[in-house]
Amino acid sequence: MNNENIDKQKLMEALLSSSGGKIDKNSVNGAVNGKNIAPLVNSLSSEDREKLNAAMSDKKSLEKALKSPQAQALLKSILKGGGKNG
């Protein structure tokens, strides 16, 4: 996947629609800009929060996830644009 071809607005819309209305654009922008990830984490089910916490506390799992092509493309897109287009 070429991160130059990522439409940040479509990515944001997909994220928001997949959340089932549990998160809003301001919460995502706040997390992207490093302000506060709590609204995003709190929007998860308790089961998903547990999975996230387990993944974040397991260095090997976290490194594996961050090295995936999808995560790399997303991170490059966010960092390149500063998260301002979504």
N, C-alpha and C. Protein backbone atom coordinates (compact mmCIF):
# COMPACT_ATOMS: atom_id res chain seq x y z
N MET A 1 0.86 -1.18 0.00
CA MET A 1 0.00 0.00 0.00
C MET A 1 0.89 1.23 0.00
N ASN A 2 0.60 2.16 -0.87
CA ASN A 2 1.35 3.39 -0.97
C ASN A 2 0.66 4.45 -0.14
N ASN A 3 1.36 4.97 0.86
CA ASN A 3 0.72 5.93 1.75
C ASN A 3 0.41 7.25 1.07
N GLU A 4 1.00 7.50 -0.09
CA GLU A 4 0.69 8.71 -0.83
C GLU A 4 -0.75 8.67 -1.34
N ASN A 5 -1.29 7.47 -1.51
CA ASN A 5 -2.64 7.31 -2.06
C ASN A 5 -3.72 7.23 -0.99
N ILE A 6 -3.35 7.35 0.27
CA ILE A 6 -4.33 7.27 1.34
C ILE A 6 -5.12 8.57 1.40
N ASP A 7 -6.41 8.46 1.30
CA ASP A 7 -7.29 9.62 1.44
C ASP A 7 -7.63 9.72 2.93
N LYS A 8 -7.06 10.71 3.58
CA LYS A 8 -7.22 10.82 5.04
C LYS A 8 -8.67 11.05 5.44
N GLN A 9 -9.42 11.76 4.61
CA GLN A 9 -10.82 11.99 4.93
C GLN A 9 -11.60 10.67 4.88
N LYS A 10 -11.33 9.85 3.87
CA LYS A 10 -12.00 8.55 3.77
C LYS A 10 -11.58 7.64 4.92
N LEU A 11 -10.31 7.71 5.29
CA LEU A 11 -9.84 6.92 6.42
C LEU A 11 -10.56 7.33 7.70
N MET A 12 -10.70 8.63 7.90
CA MET A 12 -11.40 9.14 9.08
C MET A 12 -12.86 8.69 9.06
N GLU A 13 -13.52 8.81 7.91
CA GLU A 13 -14.92 8.40 7.79
C GLU A 13 -15.08 6.91 8.09
N ALA A 14 -14.14 6.10 7.59
CA ALA A 14 -14.21 4.66 7.84
C ALA A 14 -14.04 4.36 9.33
N LEU A 15 -13.11 5.04 9.96
CA LEU A 15 -12.89 4.85 11.39
C LEU A 15 -14.13 5.24 12.19
N LEU A 16 -14.68 6.39 11.87
CA LEU A 16 -15.86 6.85 12.60
C LEU A 16 -17.06 5.94 12.38
N SER A 17 -17.26 5.50 11.14
CA SER A 17 -18.42 4.64 10.88
C SER A 17 -18.24 3.26 11.52
N SER A 18 -17.00 2.78 11.58
CA SER A 18 -16.77 1.47 12.19
C SER A 18 -16.93 1.51 13.71
N SER A 19 -16.90 2.70 14.27
CA SER A 19 -17.04 2.81 15.73
C SER A 19 -18.50 2.76 16.17
N GLY A 20 -19.41 2.80 15.22
CA GLY A 20 -20.83 2.76 15.56
C GLY A 20 -21.29 3.99 16.32
N GLY A 21 -20.65 5.12 16.07
CA GLY A 21 -21.04 6.36 16.73
C GLY A 21 -20.47 6.53 18.13
N LYS A 22 -19.58 5.63 18.53
CA LYS A 22 -19.02 5.70 19.88
C LYS A 22 -17.92 6.74 20.02
N ILE A 23 -17.31 7.11 18.91
CA ILE A 23 -16.28 8.15 18.95
C ILE A 23 -16.61 9.23 17.95
N ASP A 24 -16.04 10.40 18.16
CA ASP A 24 -16.27 11.49 17.23
C ASP A 24 -14.94 11.99 16.67
N LYS A 25 -15.05 12.84 15.68
CA LYS A 25 -13.87 13.34 14.97
C LYS A 25 -12.92 14.07 15.92
N ASN A 26 -13.44 14.82 16.87
CA ASN A 26 -12.58 15.55 17.81
C ASN A 26 -11.77 14.60 18.68
N SER A 27 -12.36 13.47 19.06
CA SER A 27 -11.64 12.48 19.87
C SER A 27 -10.48 11.90 19.07
N VAL A 28 -10.75 11.59 17.81
CA VAL A 28 -9.70 11.03 16.96
C VAL A 28 -8.60 12.06 16.73
N ASN A 29 -8.99 13.29 16.41
CA ASN A 29 -7.98 14.33 16.19
C ASN A 29 -7.16 14.58 17.45
N GLY A 30 -7.81 14.56 18.60
CA GLY A 30 -7.08 14.74 19.85
C GLY A 30 -6.06 13.64 20.08
N ALA A 31 -6.44 12.42 19.77
CA ALA A 31 -5.51 11.30 19.93
C ALA A 31 -4.36 11.40 18.94
N VAL A 32 -4.67 11.75 17.70
CA VAL A 32 -3.64 11.88 16.67
C VAL A 32 -2.65 12.97 17.03
N ASN A 33 -3.13 14.04 17.57
CA ASN A 33 -2.26 15.16 17.92
C ASN A 33 -1.61 15.01 19.29
N GLY A 34 -1.78 13.85 19.91
CA GLY A 34 -1.11 13.56 21.16
C GLY A 34 -1.72 14.21 22.38
N LYS A 35 -2.95 14.68 22.26
CA LYS A 35 -3.57 15.38 23.38
C LYS A 35 -4.18 14.42 24.39
N ASN A 36 -5.00 13.46 23.90
CA ASN A 36 -5.71 12.61 24.84
C ASN A 36 -6.28 11.39 24.11
N ILE A 37 -5.81 10.21 24.48
CA ILE A 37 -6.34 9.00 23.85
C ILE A 37 -7.47 8.36 24.66
N ALA A 38 -7.72 8.89 25.84
CA ALA A 38 -8.73 8.29 26.72
C ALA A 38 -10.10 8.14 26.07
N PRO A 39 -10.62 9.15 25.34
CA PRO A 39 -11.93 8.96 24.72
C PRO A 39 -11.97 7.79 23.73
N LEU A 40 -10.87 7.58 23.02
CA LEU A 40 -10.83 6.45 22.08
C LEU A 40 -10.79 5.13 22.83
N VAL A 41 -9.96 5.05 23.84
CA VAL A 41 -9.85 3.81 24.62
C VAL A 41 -11.16 3.53 25.34
N ASN A 42 -11.77 4.56 25.89
CA ASN A 42 -13.02 4.37 26.63
C ASN A 42 -14.19 4.00 25.72
N SER A 43 -14.05 4.26 24.43
CA SER A 43 -15.13 3.91 23.50
C SER A 43 -15.13 2.41 23.18
N LEU A 44 -14.05 1.73 23.54
CA LEU A 44 -13.96 0.29 23.29
C LEU A 44 -14.78 -0.49 24.30
N SER A 45 -15.19 -1.68 23.89
CA SER A 45 -15.85 -2.57 24.85
C SER A 45 -14.82 -2.99 25.90
N SER A 46 -15.29 -3.47 27.03
CA SER A 46 -14.35 -3.89 28.07
C SER A 46 -13.43 -5.00 27.57
N GLU A 47 -13.97 -5.88 26.75
CA GLU A 47 -13.17 -6.97 26.18
C GLU A 47 -12.07 -6.41 25.28
N ASP A 48 -12.43 -5.44 24.43
CA ASP A 48 -11.44 -4.85 23.53
C ASP A 48 -10.41 -4.01 24.30
N ARG A 49 -10.84 -3.35 25.36
CA ARG A 49 -9.88 -2.60 26.20
C ARG A 49 -8.86 -3.55 26.81
N GLU A 50 -9.33 -4.70 27.27
CA GLU A 50 -8.42 -5.70 27.84
C GLU A 50 -7.43 -6.19 26.79
N LYS A 51 -7.93 -6.43 25.57
CA LYS A 51 -7.04 -6.87 24.48
C LYS A 51 -6.01 -5.79 24.16
N LEU A 52 -6.46 -4.54 24.11
CA LEU A 52 -5.56 -3.43 23.82
C LEU A 52 -4.50 -3.32 24.91
N ASN A 53 -4.92 -3.37 26.16
CA ASN A 53 -3.96 -3.27 27.27
C ASN A 53 -2.96 -4.42 27.23
N ALA A 54 -3.43 -5.62 26.91
CA ALA A 54 -2.54 -6.77 26.82
C ALA A 54 -1.54 -6.58 25.69
N ALA A 55 -2.02 -6.11 24.55
CA ALA A 55 -1.13 -5.90 23.40
C ALA A 55 -0.11 -4.80 23.69
N MET A 56 -0.56 -3.74 24.34
CA MET A 56 0.33 -2.62 24.64
C MET A 56 1.38 -2.99 25.68
N SER A 57 1.07 -3.93 26.55
CA SER A 57 2.02 -4.31 27.59
C SER A 57 2.96 -5.43 27.13
N ASP A 58 2.66 -6.04 25.99
CA ASP A 58 3.50 -7.10 25.44
C ASP A 58 4.35 -6.50 24.32
N LYS A 59 5.61 -6.24 24.63
CA LYS A 59 6.50 -5.55 23.69
C LYS A 59 6.59 -6.26 22.35
N LYS A 60 6.70 -7.58 22.35
CA LYS A 60 6.84 -8.32 21.10
C LYS A 60 5.59 -8.19 20.24
N SER A 61 4.41 -8.30 20.84
CA SER A 61 3.16 -8.16 20.09
C SER A 61 3.02 -6.75 19.54
N LEU A 62 3.37 -5.78 20.34
CA LEU A 62 3.27 -4.39 19.90
C LEU A 62 4.21 -4.11 18.74
N GLU A 63 5.45 -4.59 18.84
CA GLU A 63 6.40 -4.39 17.75
C GLU A 63 5.91 -5.07 16.47
N LYS A 64 5.37 -6.28 16.61
CA LYS A 64 4.86 -7.01 15.45
C LYS A 64 3.72 -6.23 14.79
N ALA A 65 2.80 -5.72 15.60
CA ALA A 65 1.67 -4.97 15.05
C ALA A 65 2.14 -3.69 14.37
N LEU A 66 3.08 -2.99 14.98
CA LEU A 66 3.55 -1.73 14.41
C LEU A 66 4.38 -1.92 13.15
N LYS A 67 4.92 -3.12 12.96
CA LYS A 67 5.71 -3.39 11.76
C LYS A 67 4.85 -3.85 10.59
N SER A 68 3.57 -4.06 10.80
CA SER A 68 2.70 -4.50 9.71
C SER A 68 2.63 -3.41 8.64
N PRO A 69 2.47 -3.80 7.39
CA PRO A 69 2.38 -2.80 6.31
C PRO A 69 1.25 -1.80 6.53
N GLN A 70 0.13 -2.27 7.05
CA GLN A 70 -1.00 -1.37 7.29
C GLN A 70 -0.67 -0.33 8.35
N ALA A 71 -0.06 -0.76 9.44
CA ALA A 71 0.30 0.18 10.50
C ALA A 71 1.35 1.16 10.01
N GLN A 72 2.32 0.67 9.25
CA GLN A 72 3.36 1.55 8.73
C GLN A 72 2.77 2.62 7.81
N ALA A 73 1.87 2.21 6.93
CA ALA A 73 1.25 3.18 6.02
C ALA A 73 0.43 4.21 6.78
N LEU A 74 -0.31 3.75 7.77
CA LEU A 74 -1.13 4.66 8.56
C LEU A 74 -0.26 5.64 9.35
N LEU A 75 0.78 5.13 9.99
CA LEU A 75 1.68 5.99 10.76
C LEU A 75 2.37 7.01 9.87
N LYS A 76 2.85 6.57 8.69
CA LYS A 76 3.51 7.50 7.78
C LYS A 76 2.54 8.58 7.32
N SER A 77 1.33 8.18 7.03
CA SER A 77 0.33 9.15 6.58
C SER A 77 0.02 10.17 7.67
N ILE A 78 -0.17 9.71 8.88
CA ILE A 78 -0.49 10.60 9.99
C ILE A 78 0.68 11.53 10.29
N LEU A 79 1.88 10.96 10.36
CA LEU A 79 3.05 11.77 10.70
C LEU A 79 3.39 12.77 9.60
N LYS A 80 3.23 12.35 8.36
CA LYS A 80 3.52 13.25 7.24
C LYS A 80 2.57 14.44 7.23
N GLY A 81 1.29 14.16 7.46
CA GLY A 81 0.29 15.22 7.41
C GLY A 81 0.03 15.87 8.75
N GLY A 82 0.65 15.38 9.79
CA GLY A 82 0.43 15.93 11.12
C GLY A 82 -0.96 15.69 11.64
N GLY A 83 -1.71 14.78 10.97
CA GLY A 83 -3.06 14.48 11.42
C GLY A 83 -4.05 15.59 11.19
N LYS A 84 -3.70 16.57 10.36
CA LYS A 84 -4.55 17.74 10.20
C LYS A 84 -5.62 17.58 9.14
N ASN A 85 -5.50 16.53 8.32
CA ASN A 85 -6.48 16.35 7.25
C ASN A 85 -7.59 15.41 7.63
N GLY A 86 -7.66 14.97 8.84
CA GLY A 86 -8.67 14.00 9.18
C GLY A 86 -9.34 14.37 10.37
